[in-house]
PDB file of all heavy atoms in Angstrom:
ATOM      1  N   MET A   1       0.851  -1.196   0.000  1.00  0.00           N
ATOM      2  CA  MET A   1       0.000   0.000   0.000  1.00  0.00           C
ATOM      3  C   MET A   1       0.887   1.247   0.000  1.00  0.00           C
ATOM      4  O   MET A   1       1.806   1.370   0.801  1.00  0.00           O
ATOM      5  CB  MET A   1      -0.911  -0.007   1.223  1.00  0.00           C
ATOM      6  CG  MET A   1      -1.894   1.159   1.269  1.00  0.00           C
ATOM      7  SD  MET A   1      -2.975   1.098   2.724  1.00  0.00           S
ATOM      8  CE  MET A   1      -3.937  -0.374   2.384  1.00  0.00           C
ATOM      9  N   GLY A   2       0.638   2.166  -0.940  1.00  0.00           N
ATOM     10  CA  GLY A   2       1.444   3.372  -1.055  1.00  0.00           C
ATOM     11  C   GLY A   2       1.089   4.417  -0.007  1.00  0.00           C
ATOM     12  O   GLY A   2       0.106   4.297   0.728  1.00  0.00           O
ATOM     13  N   ARG A   3       1.907   5.479   0.015  1.00  0.00           N
ATOM     14  CA  ARG A   3       1.708   6.533   1.007  1.00  0.00           C
ATOM     15  C   ARG A   3       0.355   7.214   0.833  1.00  0.00           C
ATOM     16  O   ARG A   3      -0.327   7.521   1.811  1.00  0.00           O
ATOM     17  CB  ARG A   3       2.829   7.550   0.894  1.00  0.00           C
ATOM     18  CG  ARG A   3       2.721   8.697   1.881  1.00  0.00           C
ATOM     19  CD  ARG A   3       3.896   9.644   1.753  1.00  0.00           C
ATOM     20  NE  ARG A   3       5.144   8.956   2.093  1.00  0.00           N
ATOM     21  CZ  ARG A   3       6.340   9.556   2.049  1.00  0.00           C
ATOM     22  NH1 ARG A   3       6.430  10.815   1.662  1.00  0.00           N
ATOM     23  NH2 ARG A   3       7.424   8.876   2.377  1.00  0.00           N
ATOM     24  N   THR A   4      -0.053   7.423  -0.410  1.00  0.00           N
ATOM     25  CA  THR A   4      -1.338   8.080  -0.659  1.00  0.00           C
ATOM     26  C   THR A   4      -2.498   7.233  -0.140  1.00  0.00           C
ATOM     27  O   THR A   4      -3.433   7.749   0.496  1.00  0.00           O
ATOM     28  CB  THR A   4      -1.526   8.340  -2.159  1.00  0.00           C
ATOM     29  OG1 THR A   4      -0.474   9.194  -2.618  1.00  0.00           O
ATOM     30  CG2 THR A   4      -2.862   9.017  -2.429  1.00  0.00           C
ATOM     31  N   GLU A   5      -2.429   5.924  -0.390  1.00  0.00           N
ATOM     32  CA  GLU A   5      -3.492   5.034   0.071  1.00  0.00           C
ATOM     33  C   GLU A   5      -3.562   5.001   1.594  1.00  0.00           C
ATOM     34  O   GLU A   5      -4.658   4.977   2.173  1.00  0.00           O
ATOM     35  CB  GLU A   5      -3.281   3.622  -0.475  1.00  0.00           C
ATOM     36  CG  GLU A   5      -3.539   3.466  -1.959  1.00  0.00           C
ATOM     37  CD  GLU A   5      -2.362   3.915  -2.816  1.00  0.00           C
ATOM     38  OE1 GLU A   5      -1.323   4.297  -2.249  1.00  0.00           O
ATOM     39  OE2 GLU A   5      -2.493   3.879  -4.044  1.00  0.00           O
ATOM     40  N   VAL A   6      -2.387   4.988   2.232  1.00  0.00           N
ATOM     41  CA  VAL A   6      -2.366   4.987   3.695  1.00  0.00           C
ATOM     42  C   VAL A   6      -2.971   6.278   4.240  1.00  0.00           C
ATOM     43  O   VAL A   6      -3.761   6.257   5.199  1.00  0.00           O
ATOM     44  CB  VAL A   6      -0.923   4.803   4.211  1.00  0.00           C
ATOM     45  CG1 VAL A   6      -0.856   5.038   5.722  1.00  0.00           C
ATOM     46  CG2 VAL A   6      -0.408   3.416   3.867  1.00  0.00           C
ATOM     47  N   LYS A   7      -2.611   7.395   3.621  1.00  0.00           N
ATOM     48  CA  LYS A   7      -3.144   8.689   4.063  1.00  0.00           C
ATOM     49  C   LYS A   7      -4.660   8.732   3.910  1.00  0.00           C
ATOM     50  O   LYS A   7      -5.377   9.201   4.805  1.00  0.00           O
ATOM     51  CB  LYS A   7      -2.497   9.812   3.257  1.00  0.00           C
ATOM     52  CG  LYS A   7      -2.904  11.208   3.701  1.00  0.00           C
ATOM     53  CD  LYS A   7      -2.177  12.273   2.892  1.00  0.00           C
ATOM     54  CE  LYS A   7      -2.599  13.666   3.331  1.00  0.00           C
ATOM     55  NZ  LYS A   7      -1.890  14.713   2.531  1.00  0.00           N
ATOM     56  N   ASP A   8      -5.163   8.221   2.784  1.00  0.00           N
ATOM     57  CA  ASP A   8      -6.609   8.197   2.560  1.00  0.00           C
ATOM     58  C   ASP A   8      -7.305   7.315   3.593  1.00  0.00           C
ATOM     59  O   ASP A   8      -8.379   7.667   4.110  1.00  0.00           O
ATOM     60  CB  ASP A   8      -6.924   7.697   1.151  1.00  0.00           C
ATOM     61  CG  ASP A   8      -6.575   8.703   0.073  1.00  0.00           C
ATOM     62  OD1 ASP A   8      -6.368   9.878   0.430  1.00  0.00           O
ATOM     63  OD2 ASP A   8      -6.496   8.310  -1.109  1.00  0.00           O
ATOM     64  N   LEU A   9      -6.695   6.172   3.903  1.00  0.00           N
ATOM     65  CA  LEU A   9      -7.283   5.265   4.882  1.00  0.00           C
ATOM     66  C   LEU A   9      -7.350   5.908   6.262  1.00  0.00           C
ATOM     67  O   LEU A   9      -8.357   5.787   6.972  1.00  0.00           O
ATOM     68  CB  LEU A   9      -6.477   3.970   4.936  1.00  0.00           C
ATOM     69  CG  LEU A   9      -7.019   2.861   5.853  1.00  0.00           C
ATOM     70  CD1 LEU A   9      -8.408   2.434   5.383  1.00  0.00           C
ATOM     71  CD2 LEU A   9      -6.070   1.672   5.870  1.00  0.00           C
ATOM     72  N   LEU A  10      -6.282   6.617   6.629  1.00  0.00           N
ATOM     73  CA  LEU A  10      -6.257   7.285   7.928  1.00  0.00           C
ATOM     74  C   LEU A  10      -7.308   8.387   7.996  1.00  0.00           C
ATOM     75  O   LEU A  10      -7.970   8.566   9.033  1.00  0.00           O
ATOM     76  CB  LEU A  10      -4.865   7.855   8.191  1.00  0.00           C
ATOM     77  CG  LEU A  10      -3.759   6.821   8.472  1.00  0.00           C
ATOM     78  CD1 LEU A  10      -2.402   7.523   8.554  1.00  0.00           C
ATOM     79  CD2 LEU A  10      -4.043   6.054   9.756  1.00  0.00           C
ATOM     80  N   ARG A  11      -7.486   9.122   6.899  1.00  0.00           N
ATOM     81  CA  ARG A  11      -8.493  10.182   6.890  1.00  0.00           C
ATOM     82  C   ARG A  11      -9.899   9.603   6.990  1.00  0.00           C
ATOM     83  O   ARG A  11     -10.761  10.174   7.656  1.00  0.00           O
ATOM     84  CB  ARG A  11      -8.366  11.041   5.621  1.00  0.00           C
ATOM     85  CG  ARG A  11      -7.179  11.995   5.665  1.00  0.00           C
ATOM     86  CD  ARG A  11      -7.090  12.845   4.396  1.00  0.00           C
ATOM     87  NE  ARG A  11      -8.287  13.648   4.208  1.00  0.00           N
ATOM     88  CZ  ARG A  11      -8.555  14.781   4.863  1.00  0.00           C
ATOM     89  NH1 ARG A  11      -7.713  15.231   5.764  1.00  0.00           N
ATOM     90  NH2 ARG A  11      -9.656  15.457   4.613  1.00  0.00           N
ATOM     91  N   ARG A  12     -10.127   8.472   6.342  1.00  0.00           N
ATOM     92  CA  ARG A  12     -11.434   7.834   6.452  1.00  0.00           C
ATOM     93  C   ARG A  12     -11.696   7.388   7.894  1.00  0.00           C
ATOM     94  O   ARG A  12     -12.807   7.539   8.413  1.00  0.00           O
ATOM     95  CB  ARG A  12     -11.514   6.633   5.510  1.00  0.00           C
ATOM     96  CG  ARG A  12     -11.610   7.012   4.050  1.00  0.00           C
ATOM     97  CD  ARG A  12     -11.660   5.785   3.149  1.00  0.00           C
ATOM     98  NE  ARG A  12     -11.676   6.151   1.754  1.00  0.00           N
ATOM     99  CZ  ARG A  12     -12.765   6.492   1.074  1.00  0.00           C
ATOM    100  NH1 ARG A  12     -13.938   6.491   1.694  1.00  0.00           N
ATOM    101  NH2 ARG A  12     -12.692   6.826  -0.193  1.00  0.00           N
ATOM    102  N   GLY A  13     -10.667   6.836   8.510  1.00  0.00           N
ATOM    103  CA  GLY A  13     -10.822   6.432   9.904  1.00  0.00           C
ATOM    104  C   GLY A  13     -11.073   7.619  10.815  1.00  0.00           C
ATOM    105  O   GLY A  13     -11.906   7.561  11.733  1.00  0.00           O
ATOM    106  N   TRP A  14     -10.362   8.718  10.559  1.00  0.00           N
ATOM    107  CA  TRP A  14     -10.541   9.937  11.346  1.00  0.00           C
ATOM    108  C   TRP A  14     -11.956  10.491  11.167  1.00  0.00           C
ATOM    109  O   TRP A  14     -12.599  10.898  12.145  1.00  0.00           O
ATOM    110  CB  TRP A  14      -9.493  10.961  10.937  1.00  0.00           C
ATOM    111  CG  TRP A  14      -9.562  12.276  11.628  1.00  0.00           C
ATOM    112  CD1 TRP A  14      -9.698  13.496  11.046  1.00  0.00           C
ATOM    113  CD2 TRP A  14      -9.466  12.536  13.043  1.00  0.00           C
ATOM    114  NE1 TRP A  14      -9.710  14.493  11.984  1.00  0.00           N
ATOM    115  CE2 TRP A  14      -9.572  13.925  13.220  1.00  0.00           C
ATOM    116  CE3 TRP A  14      -9.330  11.714  14.159  1.00  0.00           C
ATOM    117  CZ2 TRP A  14      -9.537  14.520  14.480  1.00  0.00           C
ATOM    118  CZ3 TRP A  14      -9.292  12.307  15.410  1.00  0.00           C
ATOM    119  CH2 TRP A  14      -9.395  13.686  15.562  1.00  0.00           C
ATOM    120  N   SER A  15     -12.451  10.481   9.947  1.00  0.00           N
ATOM    121  CA  SER A  15     -13.807  10.992   9.704  1.00  0.00           C
ATOM    122  C   SER A  15     -14.838  10.123  10.419  1.00  0.00           C
ATOM    123  O   SER A  15     -15.826  10.627  10.962  1.00  0.00           O
ATOM    124  CB  SER A  15     -14.098  11.053   8.202  1.00  0.00           C
ATOM    125  OG  SER A  15     -14.236   9.755   7.639  1.00  0.00           O
ATOM    126  N   TRP A  16     -14.620   8.796  10.425  1.00  0.00           N
ATOM    127  CA  TRP A  16     -15.533   7.885  11.112  1.00  0.00           C
ATOM    128  C   TRP A  16     -15.542   8.179  12.609  1.00  0.00           C
ATOM    129  O   TRP A  16     -16.614   8.238  13.241  1.00  0.00           O
ATOM    130  CB  TRP A  16     -15.089   6.452  10.863  1.00  0.00           C
ATOM    131  CG  TRP A  16     -15.994   5.403  11.429  1.00  0.00           C
ATOM    132  CD1 TRP A  16     -17.075   4.831  10.820  1.00  0.00           C
ATOM    133  CD2 TRP A  16     -15.890   4.797  12.718  1.00  0.00           C
ATOM    134  NE1 TRP A  16     -17.668   3.905  11.646  1.00  0.00           N
ATOM    135  CE2 TRP A  16     -16.955   3.861  12.826  1.00  0.00           C
ATOM    136  CE3 TRP A  16     -15.028   4.947  13.794  1.00  0.00           C
ATOM    137  CZ2 TRP A  16     -17.159   3.095  13.962  1.00  0.00           C
ATOM    138  CZ3 TRP A  16     -15.226   4.183  14.936  1.00  0.00           C
ATOM    139  CH2 TRP A  16     -16.272   3.258  15.013  1.00  0.00           C
ATOM    140  N   LEU A  17     -14.363   8.373  13.210  1.00  0.00           N
ATOM    141  CA  LEU A  17     -14.279   8.673  14.637  1.00  0.00           C
ATOM    142  C   LEU A  17     -14.959   9.997  14.968  1.00  0.00           C
ATOM    143  O   LEU A  17     -15.675  10.109  15.979  1.00  0.00           O
ATOM    144  CB  LEU A  17     -12.811   8.714  15.076  1.00  0.00           C
ATOM    145  CG  LEU A  17     -12.096   7.364  15.158  1.00  0.00           C
ATOM    146  CD1 LEU A  17     -10.611   7.583  15.407  1.00  0.00           C
ATOM    147  CD2 LEU A  17     -12.702   6.489  16.248  1.00  0.00           C
ATOM    148  N   LEU A  18     -14.750  11.018  14.125  1.00  0.00           N
ATOM    149  CA  LEU A  18     -15.376  12.320  14.371  1.00  0.00           C
ATOM    150  C   LEU A  18     -16.891  12.220  14.292  1.00  0.00           C
ATOM    151  O   LEU A  18     -17.613  12.829  15.087  1.00  0.00           O
ATOM    152  CB  LEU A  18     -14.855  13.351  13.369  1.00  0.00           C
ATOM    153  CG  LEU A  18     -13.449  13.891  13.602  1.00  0.00           C
ATOM    154  CD1 LEU A  18     -13.053  14.816  12.457  1.00  0.00           C
ATOM    155  CD2 LEU A  18     -13.350  14.629  14.930  1.00  0.00           C
ATOM    156  N   ARG A  19     -17.384  11.458  13.308  1.00  0.00           N
ATOM    157  CA  ARG A  19     -18.835  11.332  13.165  1.00  0.00           C
ATOM    158  C   ARG A  19     -19.444  10.692  14.401  1.00  0.00           C
ATOM    159  O   ARG A  19     -20.459  11.171  14.917  1.00  0.00           O
ATOM    160  CB  ARG A  19     -19.173  10.510  11.924  1.00  0.00           C
ATOM    161  CG  ARG A  19     -20.674  10.343  11.736  1.00  0.00           C
ATOM    162  CD  ARG A  19     -21.006   9.664  10.425  1.00  0.00           C
ATOM    163  NE  ARG A  19     -20.639   8.269  10.411  1.00  0.00           N
ATOM    164  CZ  ARG A  19     -19.738   7.730   9.603  1.00  0.00           C
ATOM    165  NH1 ARG A  19     -19.081   8.503   8.754  1.00  0.00           N
ATOM    166  NH2 ARG A  19     -19.477   6.441   9.645  1.00  0.00           N
ATOM    167  N   TRP A  20     -18.833   9.631  14.907  1.00  0.00           N
ATOM    168  CA  TRP A  20     -19.387   8.975  16.083  1.00  0.00           C
ATOM    169  C   TRP A  20     -19.170   9.790  17.351  1.00  0.00           C
ATOM    170  O   TRP A  20     -19.996   9.749  18.270  1.00  0.00           O
ATOM    171  CB  TRP A  20     -18.806   7.565  16.212  1.00  0.00           C
ATOM    172  CG  TRP A  20     -19.547   6.639  15.314  1.00  0.00           C
ATOM    173  CD1 TRP A  20     -19.158   6.181  14.093  1.00  0.00           C
ATOM    174  CD2 TRP A  20     -20.863   6.116  15.537  1.00  0.00           C
ATOM    175  NE1 TRP A  20     -20.139   5.397  13.536  1.00  0.00           N
ATOM    176  CE2 TRP A  20     -21.200   5.335  14.407  1.00  0.00           C
ATOM    177  CE3 TRP A  20     -21.783   6.223  16.575  1.00  0.00           C
ATOM    178  CZ2 TRP A  20     -22.408   4.670  14.290  1.00  0.00           C
ATOM    179  CZ3 TRP A  20     -22.988   5.563  16.463  1.00  0.00           C
ATOM    180  CH2 TRP A  20     -23.299   4.797  15.339  1.00  0.00           C
ATOM    181  N   ARG A  21     -18.084  10.533  17.394  1.00  0.00           N
ATOM    182  CA  ARG A  21     -17.906  11.425  18.541  1.00  0.00           C
ATOM    183  C   ARG A  21     -19.023  12.454  18.585  1.00  0.00           C
ATOM    184  O   ARG A  21     -19.563  12.767  19.651  1.00  0.00           O
ATOM    185  CB  ARG A  21     -16.551  12.122  18.449  1.00  0.00           C
ATOM    186  CG  ARG A  21     -16.267  13.060  19.619  1.00  0.00           C
ATOM    187  CD  ARG A  21     -14.962  13.788  19.398  1.00  0.00           C
ATOM    188  NE  ARG A  21     -14.757  14.800  20.437  1.00  0.00           N
ATOM    189  CZ  ARG A  21     -13.809  15.727  20.389  1.00  0.00           C
ATOM    190  NH1 ARG A  21     -12.983  15.776  19.357  1.00  0.00           N
ATOM    191  NH2 ARG A  21     -13.693  16.613  21.355  1.00  0.00           N
ATOM    192  N   ALA A  22     -19.385  12.997  17.400  1.00  0.00           N
ATOM    193  CA  ALA A  22     -20.477  13.972  17.343  1.00  0.00           C
ATOM    194  C   ALA A  22     -21.807  13.325  17.739  1.00  0.00           C
ATOM    195  O   ALA A  22     -22.595  13.904  18.486  1.00  0.00           O
ATOM    196  CB  ALA A  22     -20.566  14.571  15.941  1.00  0.00           C
ATOM    197  N   ARG A  23     -22.065  12.104  17.266  1.00  0.00           N
ATOM    198  CA  ARG A  23     -23.329  11.443  17.577  1.00  0.00           C
ATOM    199  C   ARG A  23     -23.443  11.076  19.054  1.00  0.00           C
ATOM    200  O   ARG A  23     -24.534  11.118  19.632  1.00  0.00           O
ATOM    201  CB  ARG A  23     -23.494  10.186  16.718  1.00  0.00           C
ATOM    202  CG  ARG A  23     -23.918  10.508  15.294  1.00  0.00           C
ATOM    203  CD  ARG A  23     -24.150   9.269  14.482  1.00  0.00           C
ATOM    204  NE  ARG A  23     -25.211   8.426  15.013  1.00  0.00           N
ATOM    205  CZ  ARG A  23     -25.801   7.452  14.327  1.00  0.00           C
ATOM    206  NH1 ARG A  23     -25.438   7.234  13.061  1.00  0.00           N
ATOM    207  NH2 ARG A  23     -26.739   6.715  14.870  1.00  0.00           N
ATOM    208  N   LEU A  24     -22.305  10.741  19.670  1.00  0.00           N
ATOM    209  CA  LEU A  24     -22.322  10.343  21.077  1.00  0.00           C
ATOM    210  C   LEU A  24     -22.279  11.539  22.024  1.00  0.00           C
ATOM    211  O   LEU A  24     -22.386  11.378  23.228  1.00  0.00           O
ATOM    212  CB  LEU A  24     -21.152   9.405  21.370  1.00  0.00           C
ATOM    213  CG  LEU A  24     -21.252   8.032  20.708  1.00  0.00           C
ATOM    214  CD1 LEU A  24     -19.962   7.250  20.909  1.00  0.00           C
ATOM    215  CD2 LEU A  24     -22.456   7.257  21.237  1.00  0.00           C
ATOM    216  N   SER A  25     -22.128  12.722  21.446  1.00  0.00           N
ATOM    217  CA  SER A  25     -22.144  13.918  22.281  1.00  0.00           C
ATOM    218  C   SER A  25     -23.549  14.152  22.834  1.00  0.00           C
ATOM    219  O   SER A  25     -24.557  13.843  22.178  1.00  0.00           O
ATOM    220  CB  SER A  25     -21.704  15.131  21.461  1.00  0.00           C
ATOM    221  OG  SER A  25     -21.921  16.333  22.176  1.00  0.00           O
ATOM    222  N   SER A  26     -23.610  14.702  24.019  1.00  0.00           N
ATOM    223  CA  SER A  26     -24.910  15.020  24.609  1.00  0.00           C
ATOM    224  C   SER A  26     -25.447  16.364  24.123  1.00  0.00           C
ATOM    225  O   SER A  26     -26.559  16.752  24.475  1.00  0.00           O
ATOM    226  CB  SER A  26     -24.800  15.035  26.136  1.00  0.00           C
ATOM    227  OG  SER A  26     -23.842  15.994  26.559  1.00  0.00           O
ATOM    228  N   ARG A  27     -24.653  17.065  23.332  1.00  0.00           N
ATOM    229  CA  ARG A  27     -25.115  18.350  22.812  1.00  0.00           C
ATOM    230  C   ARG A  27     -26.262  18.138  21.828  1.00  0.00           C
ATOM    231  O   ARG A  27     -26.132  17.384  20.863  1.00  0.00           O
ATOM    232  CB  ARG A  27     -23.983  19.076  22.093  1.00  0.00           C
ATOM    233  CG  ARG A  27     -22.797  19.450  22.969  1.00  0.00           C
ATOM    234  CD  ARG A  27     -21.731  20.108  22.128  1.00  0.00           C
ATOM    235  NE  ARG A  27     -20.559  20.459  22.921  1.00  0.00           N
ATOM    236  CZ  ARG A  27     -19.452  20.996  22.412  1.00  0.00           C
ATOM    237  NH1 ARG A  27     -19.374  21.232  21.110  1.00  0.00           N
ATOM    238  NH2 ARG A  27     -18.424  21.276  23.190  1.00  0.00           N
ATOM    239  N   PRO A  28     -27.383  18.792  22.013  1.00  0.00           N
ATOM    240  CA  PRO A  28     -28.512  18.651  21.077  1.00  0.00           C
ATOM    241  C   PRO A  28     -28.337  19.587  19.883  1.00  0.00           C
ATOM    242  O   PRO A  28     -29.023  20.590  19.744  1.00  0.00           O
ATOM    243  CB  PRO A  28     -29.719  19.036  21.931  1.00  0.00           C
ATOM    244  CG  PRO A  28     -29.169  20.026  22.910  1.00  0.00           C
ATOM    245  CD  PRO A  28     -27.743  19.610  23.185  1.00  0.00           C
ATOM    246  N   ASN A  29     -27.395  19.258  19.003  1.00  0.00           N
ATOM    247  CA  ASN A  29     -27.090  20.117  17.869  1.00  0.00           C
ATOM    248  C   ASN A  29     -27.611  19.522  16.563  1.00  0.00           C
ATOM    249  O   ASN A  29     -27.598  18.301  16.376  1.00  0.00           O
ATOM    250  CB  ASN A  29     -25.583  20.316  17.735  1.00  0.00           C
ATOM    251  CG  ASN A  29     -25.010  21.194  18.834  1.00  0.00           C
ATOM    252  OD1 ASN A  29     -25.756  21.834  19.575  1.00  0.00           O
ATOM    253  ND2 ASN A  29     -23.697  21.228  18.947  1.00  0.00           N
ATOM    254  N   GLY A  30     -28.046  20.395  15.661  1.00  0.00           N
ATOM    255  CA  GLY A  30     -28.367  20.027  14.298  1.00  0.00           C
ATOM    256  C   GLY A  30     -27.557  20.889  13.356  1.00  0.00           C
ATOM    257  O   GLY A  30     -26.856  21.820  13.782  1.00  0.00           O
ATOM    258  N   LEU A  31     -27.635  20.598  12.066  1.00  0.00           N
ATOM    259  CA  LEU A  31     -26.867  21.341  11.067  1.00  0.00           C
ATOM    260  C   LEU A  31     -27.762  21.729   9.895  1.00  0.00           C
ATOM    261  O   LEU A  31     -28.710  21.021   9.558  1.00  0.00           O
ATOM    262  CB  LEU A  31     -25.698  20.504  10.536  1.00  0.00           C
ATOM    263  CG  LEU A  31     -24.563  20.179  11.510  1.00  0.00           C
ATOM    264  CD1 LEU A  31     -23.614  19.170  10.888  1.00  0.00           C
ATOM    265  CD2 LEU A  31     -23.824  21.451  11.905  1.00  0.00           C
ATOM    266  N   VAL A  32     -27.428  22.869   9.287  1.00  0.00           N
ATOM    267  CA  VAL A  32     -28.064  23.286   8.038  1.00  0.00           C
ATOM    268  C   VAL A  32     -26.962  23.527   7.024  1.00  0.00           C
ATOM    269  O   VAL A  32     -26.009  24.268   7.285  1.00  0.00           O
ATOM    270  CB  VAL A  32     -28.908  24.557   8.224  1.00  0.00           C
ATOM    271  CG1 VAL A  32     -29.585  24.941   6.905  1.00  0.00           C
ATOM    272  CG2 VAL A  32     -29.937  24.368   9.318  1.00  0.00           C
TER     273      VAL A  32
END
């Protein structure tokens, strides 16, 4: 796996963690 593929994989993992962190937050936030 090349450097670009590794970087893309890490960013996908980071985005997944951020999404679940936002969902598990107790803040009652929505987005427009």
